[in-house]
């Protein structure tokens, strides 16, 4: 349910897209088959408008339900195409897991926005161990890739190579 609430805007956008496609298809058919053949001759105009509104509402509800099922069945959803064969995705699960990489031969960049400083000490004062920033540094140190001191030194060396003006 949380995933549906988070993606409500995306789901509604897809539902409206499919409803508009469906009604475009119906209007194309309406060029060849008159729509008043679907209604009884003695039906009042208000009843016809109410019927059409309910039909539209039911169609939107069905498309919304199908979009919800699509979102729940996928762990990765392409949100937008930013050009040059680059895309923005929403992906569910552990972002540090290599299992989530769909193309194993491609490099994946995980960007974690933090602050303008390059802090590496996870002590629940400056960097909380419950944030993505803290979890990423804890995993780097736990897996033996870096120690906290080595990571700080590597960052300092990389920054020394750059000319950064305030």
Protein backbone atom coordinates (compact mmCIF):
# COMPACT_ATOMS: atom_id res chain seq x y z
CA UNK A 1 0.00 0.00 0.00
CA UNK A 2 2.90 2.35 0.77
CA UNK A 3 4.37 1.80 -2.70
CA UNK A 4 1.04 2.78 -4.28
CA UNK A 5 0.81 5.92 -2.16
CA UNK A 6 4.39 6.92 -3.02
CA UNK A 7 3.76 6.41 -6.74
CA UNK A 8 0.26 7.89 -6.80
CA UNK A 9 1.16 10.65 -9.24
CA UNK A 10 2.84 8.18 -11.63
CA UNK A 11 -0.08 5.73 -11.38
CA UNK A 12 -2.67 8.45 -12.01
CA UNK A 13 -0.67 9.77 -14.98
CA UNK A 14 -0.57 6.29 -16.52
CA UNK A 15 -4.27 5.70 -15.83
CA UNK A 16 -5.21 8.97 -17.52
CA UNK A 17 -2.98 8.14 -20.47
CA UNK A 18 -4.65 4.77 -21.00
CA UNK A 19 -8.14 6.21 -20.52
CA UNK A 20 -7.44 8.85 -23.16
CA UNK A 21 -6.07 6.17 -25.52
CA UNK A 22 -9.17 4.05 -24.93
CA UNK A 23 -11.55 6.93 -25.61
CA UNK A 24 -9.56 7.93 -28.68
CA UNK A 25 -10.06 4.39 -29.93
CA UNK A 26 -13.80 4.58 -29.13
CA UNK A 27 -14.15 7.89 -30.96
CA UNK A 28 -12.45 6.37 -34.00
CA UNK A 29 -14.97 3.53 -33.94
CA UNK A 30 -17.69 6.18 -33.48
CA UNK A 31 -16.86 7.52 -36.94
CA UNK A 32 -18.26 4.30 -38.41
CA UNK A 33 -20.89 3.31 -35.84
CA UNK A 34 -23.06 6.09 -34.40
CA UNK A 35 -22.97 6.24 -30.60
CA UNK A 36 -26.72 6.76 -30.22
CA UNK A 37 -27.22 3.13 -31.30
CA UNK A 38 -25.93 2.13 -27.84
CA UNK A 39 -28.74 3.97 -26.05
CA UNK A 40 -32.48 3.34 -26.00
CA UNK A 41 -34.49 5.83 -28.04
CA UNK A 42 -36.64 6.88 -25.08
CA UNK A 43 -33.63 7.55 -22.79
CA UNK A 44 -33.47 11.12 -21.44
CA UNK A 45 -30.42 13.32 -22.08
CA UNK A 46 -29.59 13.47 -18.35
CA UNK A 47 -29.52 9.66 -18.18
CA UNK A 48 -27.23 9.54 -21.21
CA UNK A 49 -24.81 12.05 -19.64
CA UNK A 50 -24.88 10.15 -16.34
CA UNK A 51 -24.23 6.86 -18.14
CA UNK A 52 -21.28 8.36 -20.06
CA UNK A 53 -19.83 9.85 -16.86
CA UNK A 54 -20.12 6.52 -15.02
CA UNK A 55 -18.55 4.73 -17.99
CA UNK A 56 -15.65 7.21 -17.93
CA UNK A 57 -15.26 6.78 -14.17
CA UNK A 58 -15.29 2.98 -14.41
CA UNK A 59 -12.77 3.04 -17.24
CA UNK A 60 -10.46 5.30 -15.22
CA UNK A 61 -10.86 3.04 -12.17
CA UNK A 62 -9.96 -0.03 -14.18
CA UNK A 63 -6.91 1.70 -15.68
CA UNK A 64 -5.90 2.94 -12.21
CA UNK A 65 -6.16 -0.59 -10.83
CA UNK A 66 -4.09 -2.00 -13.70
CA UNK A 67 -1.45 0.71 -13.17
CA UNK A 68 -1.34 -0.15 -9.45
CA UNK A 69 -0.81 -3.83 -10.27
CA UNK A 70 1.97 -2.86 -12.69
CA UNK A 71 3.75 -0.79 -10.04
CA UNK A 72 3.40 -3.57 -7.45
CA UNK A 73 4.73 -6.22 -9.84
CA UNK A 74 7.88 -4.29 -10.81
CA UNK A 75 10.87 -3.51 -8.63
CA UNK A 76 12.16 -0.92 -11.12
CA UNK A 77 10.08 1.70 -12.94
CA UNK A 78 11.38 4.05 -15.63
CA UNK A 79 10.12 7.50 -14.73
CA UNK A 80 11.64 9.63 -17.50
CA UNK A 81 13.99 9.74 -20.45
CA UNK A 82 16.55 12.52 -19.93
CA UNK A 83 18.11 12.13 -23.36
CA UNK A 84 21.35 10.66 -24.69
CA UNK A 85 20.21 7.17 -23.76
CA UNK A 86 20.02 8.07 -20.03
CA UNK A 87 16.96 7.39 -17.88
CA UNK A 88 15.70 8.10 -14.39
CA UNK A 89 14.38 5.05 -12.56
CA UNK A 90 12.66 4.43 -9.26
CA UNK A 91 13.90 1.16 -7.83
CA UNK A 92 12.76 -0.65 -4.70
CA UNK A 93 14.97 -2.70 -2.44
CA UNK A 94 18.48 -2.43 -1.03
CA UNK A 95 20.23 0.15 -3.23
CA UNK A 96 23.60 -1.30 -2.26
CA UNK A 97 22.73 -4.82 -3.43
CA UNK A 98 24.37 -5.99 -6.64
CA UNK A 99 21.25 -8.11 -7.28
CA UNK A 100 19.34 -4.98 -8.29
CA UNK A 101 21.62 -4.27 -11.24
CA UNK A 102 19.67 -5.39 -14.29
CA UNK A 103 22.61 -5.29 -16.71
CA UNK A 104 25.47 -6.89 -14.77
CA UNK A 105 28.11 -5.61 -17.19
CA UNK A 106 27.06 -1.95 -16.82
CA UNK A 107 28.28 0.40 -14.12
CA UNK A 108 25.71 1.79 -11.74
CA UNK A 109 26.21 5.07 -9.92
CA UNK A 110 24.45 5.53 -6.61
CA UNK A 111 24.30 9.20 -5.69
CA UNK A 112 23.59 10.04 -2.07
CA UNK A 113 23.16 13.77 -1.52
CA UNK A 114 24.46 14.82 1.87
CA UNK A 115 26.08 18.13 2.73
CA UNK A 116 28.82 20.31 1.27
CA UNK A 117 31.49 18.77 3.50
CA UNK A 118 33.15 15.41 2.98
CA UNK A 119 32.51 13.85 6.37
CA UNK A 120 33.27 10.16 6.88
CA UNK A 121 32.86 9.60 10.60
CA UNK A 122 29.65 7.72 11.41
CA UNK A 123 29.06 8.45 15.09
CA UNK A 124 25.36 9.46 15.21
CA UNK A 125 26.39 13.07 15.88
CA UNK A 126 27.42 14.33 12.45
CA UNK A 127 26.48 11.31 10.37
CA UNK A 128 23.72 9.03 11.63
CA UNK A 129 24.11 5.31 11.08
CA UNK A 130 20.42 5.17 10.05
CA UNK A 131 20.82 7.44 7.00
CA UNK A 132 21.92 6.37 3.52
CA UNK A 133 25.09 8.37 4.06
CA UNK A 134 25.88 6.46 7.25
CA UNK A 135 24.84 3.08 5.85
CA UNK A 136 27.05 3.51 2.78
CA UNK A 137 30.15 4.39 4.83
CA UNK A 138 29.43 1.60 7.30
CA UNK A 139 29.19 -0.92 4.44
CA UNK A 140 32.44 0.35 2.88
CA UNK A 141 34.25 -0.07 6.19
CA UNK A 142 32.54 -3.35 7.15
CA UNK A 143 33.41 -4.99 3.83
CA UNK A 144 37.06 -4.06 4.28
CA UNK A 145 37.12 -1.82 1.22
CA UNK A 146 38.30 1.17 3.29
CA UNK A 147 38.83 2.15 6.87
CA UNK A 148 37.42 5.48 7.98
CA UNK A 149 40.90 7.01 7.95
CA UNK A 150 41.76 5.62 4.48
CA UNK A 151 38.51 6.95 3.10
CA UNK A 152 39.17 10.42 4.55
CA UNK A 153 42.70 10.42 3.09
CA UNK A 154 41.50 9.30 -0.34
CA UNK A 155 38.90 12.10 -0.37
CA UNK A 156 41.52 14.66 0.68
CA UNK A 157 43.90 13.53 -2.08
CA UNK A 158 41.15 13.72 -4.69
CA UNK A 159 40.19 17.21 -3.50
CA UNK A 160 43.82 18.37 -3.57
CA UNK A 161 43.92 17.52 -7.29
CA UNK A 162 40.89 19.74 -7.93
CA UNK A 163 40.98 23.50 -7.89
CA UNK A 164 37.91 24.51 -5.93
CA UNK A 165 37.10 28.20 -5.49
CA UNK A 166 34.64 29.42 -2.88
